[in-house]
Amino acid sequence: MIKNLAHKTFLLLFTSVFLLACQHEKSPYFSTILKSEKGHFRGAEIGNQFNNIKQLENDSFLVDQMEDYLHYEYTLDMGNSYTVTYDFSAEETLYEIETTAYFDLISDGEILFNHFEDYFNHKYGSGKKEDDGYTTWKTVQKKTGTNLEIAMIDQSISYGIITIKIRDLDY
């Protein structure tokens, strides 16, 4: 009985340590780039109208605007920044969000990539590593039944770069 209890205790302890070891280091930039857990990304949801998306972002950082496109550039801190672009259909509905983060250090990009990977795995299930280097998650938008893809890649070479794309696969 004592041997069985000791075995169960060891197994529980080992499993707990293993699960903690599997979690990645948290990035200090994650919350700023995610901005909001509402919607698909930054509070935006695929299918939102142009004016709704424009209200989510800070106009001070808007660097390019057309009737079907918004492009923002943000600074995180010295040498680190990110961009956010939104693409809209002729009906002014959002069909793609792309965010690219740039870091002086490759490790900052890797940590952020891992943090977002953990986040998307929790939200959408395990991602799939594609042949082109992207990790992807597929989901269906609850309101419209639209097929969506979340795709992310770590493009770090001599400095950290990660790109996240959320897009309407039916567009």
C-alpha atoms as a PDB file:
ATOM      1  CA  MET A   1       0.000   0.000   0.000  1.00  0.00           C
ATOM      2  CA  ILE A   2       2.772   2.444   0.964  1.00  0.00           C
ATOM      3  CA  LYS A   3       4.771   1.423  -2.118  1.00  0.00           C
ATOM      4  CA  ASN A   4       1.708   2.069  -4.343  1.00  0.00           C
ATOM      5  CA  LEU A   5       1.135   5.482  -2.697  1.00  0.00           C
ATOM      6  CA  ALA A   6       4.812   6.420  -3.150  1.00  0.00           C
ATOM      7  CA  HIS A   7       4.617   5.364  -6.809  1.00  0.00           C
ATOM      8  CA  LYS A   8       1.504   7.508  -7.376  1.00  0.00           C
ATOM      9  CA  THR A   9       3.082  10.480  -5.608  1.00  0.00           C
ATOM     10  CA  PHE A  10       6.242  10.167  -7.712  1.00  0.00           C
ATOM     11  CA  LEU A  11       4.195   9.915 -10.918  1.00  0.00           C
ATOM     12  CA  LEU A  12       2.141  12.984  -9.993  1.00  0.00           C
ATOM     13  CA  LEU A  13       5.267  14.973  -9.139  1.00  0.00           C
ATOM     14  CA  PHE A  14       7.042  13.884 -12.333  1.00  0.00           C
ATOM     15  CA  THR A  15       4.026  14.806 -14.488  1.00  0.00           C
ATOM     16  CA  SER A  16       3.746  18.237 -12.826  1.00  0.00           C
ATOM     17  CA  VAL A  17       7.436  19.007 -13.362  1.00  0.00           C
ATOM     18  CA  PHE A  18       7.226  17.814 -16.985  1.00  0.00           C
ATOM     19  CA  LEU A  19       4.211  20.037 -17.722  1.00  0.00           C
ATOM     20  CA  LEU A  20       5.893  23.066 -16.178  1.00  0.00           C
ATOM     21  CA  ALA A  21       9.055  22.424 -18.180  1.00  0.00           C
ATOM     22  CA  CYS A  22       7.042  22.296 -21.417  1.00  0.00           C
ATOM     23  CA  GLN A  23       5.673  25.795 -20.964  1.00  0.00           C
ATOM     24  CA  HIS A  24       7.691  28.466 -22.718  1.00  0.00           C
ATOM     25  CA  GLU A  25       9.134  31.625 -21.254  1.00  0.00           C
ATOM     26  CA  LYS A  26       6.675  34.532 -21.399  1.00  0.00           C
ATOM     27  CA  SER A  27       7.453  37.533 -23.615  1.00  0.00           C
ATOM     28  CA  PRO A  28       7.149  41.053 -22.168  1.00  0.00           C
ATOM     29  CA  TYR A  29       5.816  42.143 -25.595  1.00  0.00           C
ATOM     30  CA  PHE A  30       3.002  39.607 -25.875  1.00  0.00           C
ATOM     31  CA  SER A  31       0.214  41.642 -24.223  1.00  0.00           C
ATOM     32  CA  THR A  32       1.069  44.809 -26.133  1.00  0.00           C
ATOM     33  CA  ILE A  33       0.995  43.066 -29.510  1.00  0.00           C
ATOM     34  CA  LEU A  34      -2.092  40.936 -28.730  1.00  0.00           C
ATOM     35  CA  LYS A  35      -3.790  44.038 -27.278  1.00  0.00           C
ATOM     36  CA  SER A  36      -7.053  42.209 -26.520  1.00  0.00           C
ATOM     37  CA  GLU A  37      -8.172  38.605 -26.249  1.00  0.00           C
ATOM     38  CA  LYS A  38     -11.527  39.599 -27.739  1.00  0.00           C
ATOM     39  CA  GLY A  39     -12.117  38.725 -31.367  1.00  0.00           C
ATOM     40  CA  HIS A  40      -9.455  36.961 -33.387  1.00  0.00           C
ATOM     41  CA  PHE A  41      -6.547  39.360 -32.775  1.00  0.00           C
ATOM     42  CA  ARG A  42      -6.125  42.833 -31.194  1.00  0.00           C
ATOM     43  CA  GLY A  43      -9.880  42.977 -30.559  1.00  0.00           C
ATOM     44  CA  ALA A  44     -10.555  42.641 -34.296  1.00  0.00           C
ATOM     45  CA  GLU A  45     -12.657  39.925 -35.823  1.00  0.00           C
ATOM     46  CA  ILE A  46     -12.606  38.766 -39.425  1.00  0.00           C
ATOM     47  CA  GLY A  47     -15.754  40.187 -41.048  1.00  0.00           C
ATOM     48  CA  ASN A  48     -15.708  43.458 -39.043  1.00  0.00           C
ATOM     49  CA  GLN A  49     -16.330  46.678 -40.921  1.00  0.00           C
ATOM     50  CA  PHE A  50     -13.563  49.147 -41.827  1.00  0.00           C
ATOM     51  CA  ASN A  51     -14.752  51.831 -39.364  1.00  0.00           C
ATOM     52  CA  ASN A  52     -14.971  49.332 -36.494  1.00  0.00           C
ATOM     53  CA  ILE A  53     -11.351  48.271 -37.070  1.00  0.00           C
ATOM     54  CA  LYS A  54     -10.151  51.863 -37.369  1.00  0.00           C
ATOM     55  CA  GLN A  55     -11.566  52.571 -33.905  1.00  0.00           C
ATOM     56  CA  LEU A  56      -9.498  49.735 -32.399  1.00  0.00           C
ATOM     57  CA  GLU A  57      -6.132  51.239 -33.347  1.00  0.00           C
ATOM     58  CA  ASN A  58      -4.381  54.505 -32.499  1.00  0.00           C
ATOM     59  CA  ASP A  59      -4.528  56.964 -35.426  1.00  0.00           C
ATOM     60  CA  SER A  60      -1.173  58.433 -34.333  1.00  0.00           C
ATOM     61  CA  PHE A  61       0.496  55.252 -35.625  1.00  0.00           C
ATOM     62  CA  LEU A  62      -1.436  55.021 -38.906  1.00  0.00           C
ATOM     63  CA  VAL A  63       1.103  55.279 -41.742  1.00  0.00           C
ATOM     64  CA  ASP A  64      -0.992  54.207 -44.728  1.00  0.00           C
ATOM     65  CA  GLN A  65      -4.705  54.129 -45.412  1.00  0.00           C
ATOM     66  CA  MET A  66      -6.668  53.229 -48.512  1.00  0.00           C
ATOM     67  CA  GLU A  67     -10.293  52.189 -48.829  1.00  0.00           C
ATOM     68  CA  ASP A  68      -9.305  48.516 -48.530  1.00  0.00           C
ATOM     69  CA  TYR A  69      -6.193  48.737 -46.348  1.00  0.00           C
ATOM     70  CA  LEU A  70      -4.945  50.091 -43.006  1.00  0.00           C
ATOM     71  CA  HIS A  71      -1.271  49.954 -41.982  1.00  0.00           C
ATOM     72  CA  TYR A  72       0.031  50.866 -38.511  1.00  0.00           C
ATOM     73  CA  GLU A  73       3.614  50.981 -37.198  1.00  0.00           C
ATOM     74  CA  TYR A  74       4.265  50.837 -33.459  1.00  0.00           C
ATOM     75  CA  THR A  75       7.454  51.105 -31.397  1.00  0.00           C
ATOM     76  CA  LEU A  76       7.854  48.740 -28.452  1.00  0.00           C
ATOM     77  CA  ASP A  77      11.140  50.041 -27.056  1.00  0.00           C
ATOM     78  CA  MET A  78      14.644  50.820 -28.326  1.00  0.00           C
ATOM     79  CA  GLY A  79      15.204  48.778 -31.493  1.00  0.00           C
ATOM     80  CA  ASN A  80      11.978  46.766 -31.217  1.00  0.00           C
ATOM     81  CA  SER A  81       8.776  47.458 -33.146  1.00  0.00           C
ATOM     82  CA  TYR A  82       5.798  45.878 -34.865  1.00  0.00           C
ATOM     83  CA  THR A  83       3.401  46.583 -37.716  1.00  0.00           C
ATOM     84  CA  VAL A  84      -0.269  45.749 -38.066  1.00  0.00           C
ATOM     85  CA  THR A  85      -2.074  45.678 -41.413  1.00  0.00           C
ATOM     86  CA  TYR A  86      -5.729  45.080 -42.097  1.00  0.00           C
ATOM     87  CA  ASP A  87      -7.070  44.139 -45.547  1.00  0.00           C
ATOM     88  CA  PHE A  88     -10.708  44.698 -46.506  1.00  0.00           C
ATOM     89  CA  SER A  89     -12.993  43.467 -49.272  1.00  0.00           C
ATOM     90  CA  ALA A  90     -14.850  45.774 -51.682  1.00  0.00           C
ATOM     91  CA  GLU A  91     -17.718  45.643 -49.142  1.00  0.00           C
ATOM     92  CA  GLU A  92     -15.341  47.065 -46.486  1.00  0.00           C
ATOM     93  CA  THR A  93     -15.271  43.851 -44.437  1.00  0.00           C
ATOM     94  CA  LEU A  94     -12.051  42.634 -42.868  1.00  0.00           C
ATOM     95  CA  TYR A  95     -10.644  39.471 -44.440  1.00  0.00           C
ATOM     96  CA  GLU A  96      -7.005  39.509 -43.242  1.00  0.00           C
ATOM     97  CA  ILE A  97      -4.910  40.760 -40.330  1.00  0.00           C
ATOM     98  CA  GLU A  98      -1.126  40.635 -40.519  1.00  0.00           C
ATOM     99  CA  THR A  99       1.241  41.559 -37.714  1.00  0.00           C
ATOM    100  CA  THR A 100       5.019  41.486 -37.983  1.00  0.00           C
ATOM    101  CA  ALA A 101       7.260  42.105 -34.970  1.00  0.00           C
ATOM    102  CA  TYR A 102      10.920  43.122 -35.304  1.00  0.00           C
ATOM    103  CA  PHE A 103      13.504  42.679 -32.542  1.00  0.00           C
ATOM    104  CA  ASP A 104      17.191  43.502 -32.121  1.00  0.00           C
ATOM    105  CA  LEU A 105      17.710  40.092 -30.531  1.00  0.00           C
ATOM    106  CA  ILE A 106      16.758  36.780 -32.128  1.00  0.00           C
ATOM    107  CA  SER A 107      15.905  35.434 -28.670  1.00  0.00           C
ATOM    108  CA  ASP A 108      13.186  38.099 -28.181  1.00  0.00           C
ATOM    109  CA  GLY A 109      11.531  36.938 -31.411  1.00  0.00           C
ATOM    110  CA  GLU A 110      11.810  33.285 -30.409  1.00  0.00           C
ATOM    111  CA  ILE A 111      10.321  33.932 -26.970  1.00  0.00           C
ATOM    112  CA  LEU A 112       7.430  35.905 -28.471  1.00  0.00           C
ATOM    113  CA  PHE A 113       6.835  33.196 -31.097  1.00  0.00           C
ATOM    114  CA  ASN A 114       6.697  30.519 -28.390  1.00  0.00           C
ATOM    115  CA  HIS A 115       4.374  32.655 -26.240  1.00  0.00           C
ATOM    116  CA  PHE A 116       1.947  33.135 -29.150  1.00  0.00           C
ATOM    117  CA  GLU A 117       2.226  29.456 -30.063  1.00  0.00           C
ATOM    118  CA  ASP A 118       1.176  28.527 -26.507  1.00  0.00           C
ATOM    119  CA  TYR A 119      -1.681  31.059 -26.691  1.00  0.00           C
ATOM    120  CA  PHE A 120      -3.010  29.813 -30.057  1.00  0.00           C
ATOM    121  CA  ASN A 121      -2.586  26.149 -29.027  1.00  0.00           C
ATOM    122  CA  HIS A 122      -4.710  26.855 -25.967  1.00  0.00           C
ATOM    123  CA  LYS A 123      -7.330  28.813 -27.955  1.00  0.00           C
ATOM    124  CA  TYR A 124      -7.542  26.665 -31.142  1.00  0.00           C
ATOM    125  CA  GLY A 125      -5.907  23.322 -30.313  1.00  0.00           C
ATOM    126  CA  SER A 126      -2.476  22.102 -31.415  1.00  0.00           C
ATOM    127  CA  GLY A 127      -1.046  23.920 -34.405  1.00  0.00           C
ATOM    128  CA  LYS A 128       0.299  22.139 -37.456  1.00  0.00           C
ATOM    129  CA  LYS A 129       3.861  22.727 -38.645  1.00  0.00           C
ATOM    130  CA  GLU A 130       3.670  23.310 -42.418  1.00  0.00           C
ATOM    131  CA  ASP A 131       6.396  22.571 -44.992  1.00  0.00           C
ATOM    132  CA  ASP A 132       6.905  26.313 -45.604  1.00  0.00           C
ATOM    133  CA  GLY A 133       7.856  26.921 -41.950  1.00  0.00           C
ATOM    134  CA  TYR A 134       4.519  28.344 -40.825  1.00  0.00           C
ATOM    135  CA  THR A 135       2.626  26.912 -37.881  1.00  0.00           C
ATOM    136  CA  THR A 136      -1.099  27.009 -38.640  1.00  0.00           C
ATOM    137  CA  TRP A 137      -4.378  26.668 -36.814  1.00  0.00           C
ATOM    138  CA  LYS A 138      -7.722  26.256 -38.558  1.00  0.00           C
ATOM    139  CA  THR A 139     -11.028  27.291 -37.041  1.00  0.00           C
ATOM    140  CA  VAL A 140     -14.538  28.259 -38.049  1.00  0.00           C
ATOM    141  CA  GLN A 141     -15.954  31.654 -37.164  1.00  0.00           C
ATOM    142  CA  LYS A 142     -18.966  30.997 -34.955  1.00  0.00           C
ATOM    143  CA  LYS A 143     -21.147  33.860 -36.248  1.00  0.00           C
ATOM    144  CA  THR A 144     -20.740  33.303 -39.980  1.00  0.00           C
ATOM    145  CA  GLY A 145     -19.395  29.769 -40.399  1.00  0.00           C
ATOM    146  CA  THR A 146     -16.415  31.238 -42.270  1.00  0.00           C
ATOM    147  CA  ASN A 147     -13.263  29.091 -42.379  1.00  0.00           C
ATOM    148  CA  LEU A 148     -10.310  30.887 -40.809  1.00  0.00           C
ATOM    149  CA  GLU A 149      -6.598  30.232 -40.659  1.00  0.00           C
ATOM    150  CA  ILE A 150      -4.144  31.573 -38.134  1.00  0.00           C
ATOM    151  CA  ALA A 151      -0.600  31.240 -39.472  1.00  0.00           C
ATOM    152  CA  MET A 152       2.631  32.200 -37.733  1.00  0.00           C
ATOM    153  CA  ILE A 153       6.297  31.992 -38.679  1.00  0.00           C
ATOM    154  CA  ASP A 154       9.586  32.808 -36.981  1.00  0.00           C
ATOM    155  CA  GLN A 155      11.729  34.426 -39.697  1.00  0.00           C
ATOM    156  CA  SER A 156      14.644  35.295 -37.444  1.00  0.00           C
ATOM    157  CA  ILE A 157      18.031  35.282 -39.156  1.00  0.00           C
ATOM    158  CA  SER A 158      20.332  38.016 -37.835  1.00  0.00           C
ATOM    159  CA  TYR A 159      17.618  39.657 -35.715  1.00  0.00           C
ATOM    160  CA  GLY A 160      14.209  38.529 -34.473  1.00  0.00           C
ATOM    161  CA  ILE A 161      11.213  38.653 -36.818  1.00  0.00           C
ATOM    162  CA  ILE A 162       7.895  36.916 -36.355  1.00  0.00           C
ATOM    163  CA  THR A 163       4.796  37.238 -38.521  1.00  0.00           C
ATOM    164  CA  ILE A 164       1.228  36.359 -37.583  1.00  0.00           C
ATOM    165  CA  LYS A 165      -1.576  36.215 -40.173  1.00  0.00           C
ATOM    166  CA  ILE A 166      -5.252  35.685 -39.509  1.00  0.00           C
ATOM    167  CA  ARG A 167      -7.292  35.288 -42.701  1.00  0.00           C
ATOM    168  CA  ASP A 168     -10.620  34.298 -44.120  1.00  0.00           C
ATOM    169  CA  LEU A 169      -9.998  31.112 -46.131  1.00  0.00           C
ATOM    170  CA  ASP A 170     -13.312  31.539 -47.949  1.00  0.00           C
ATOM    171  CA  TYR A 171     -12.415  34.981 -49.331  1.00  0.00           C
END
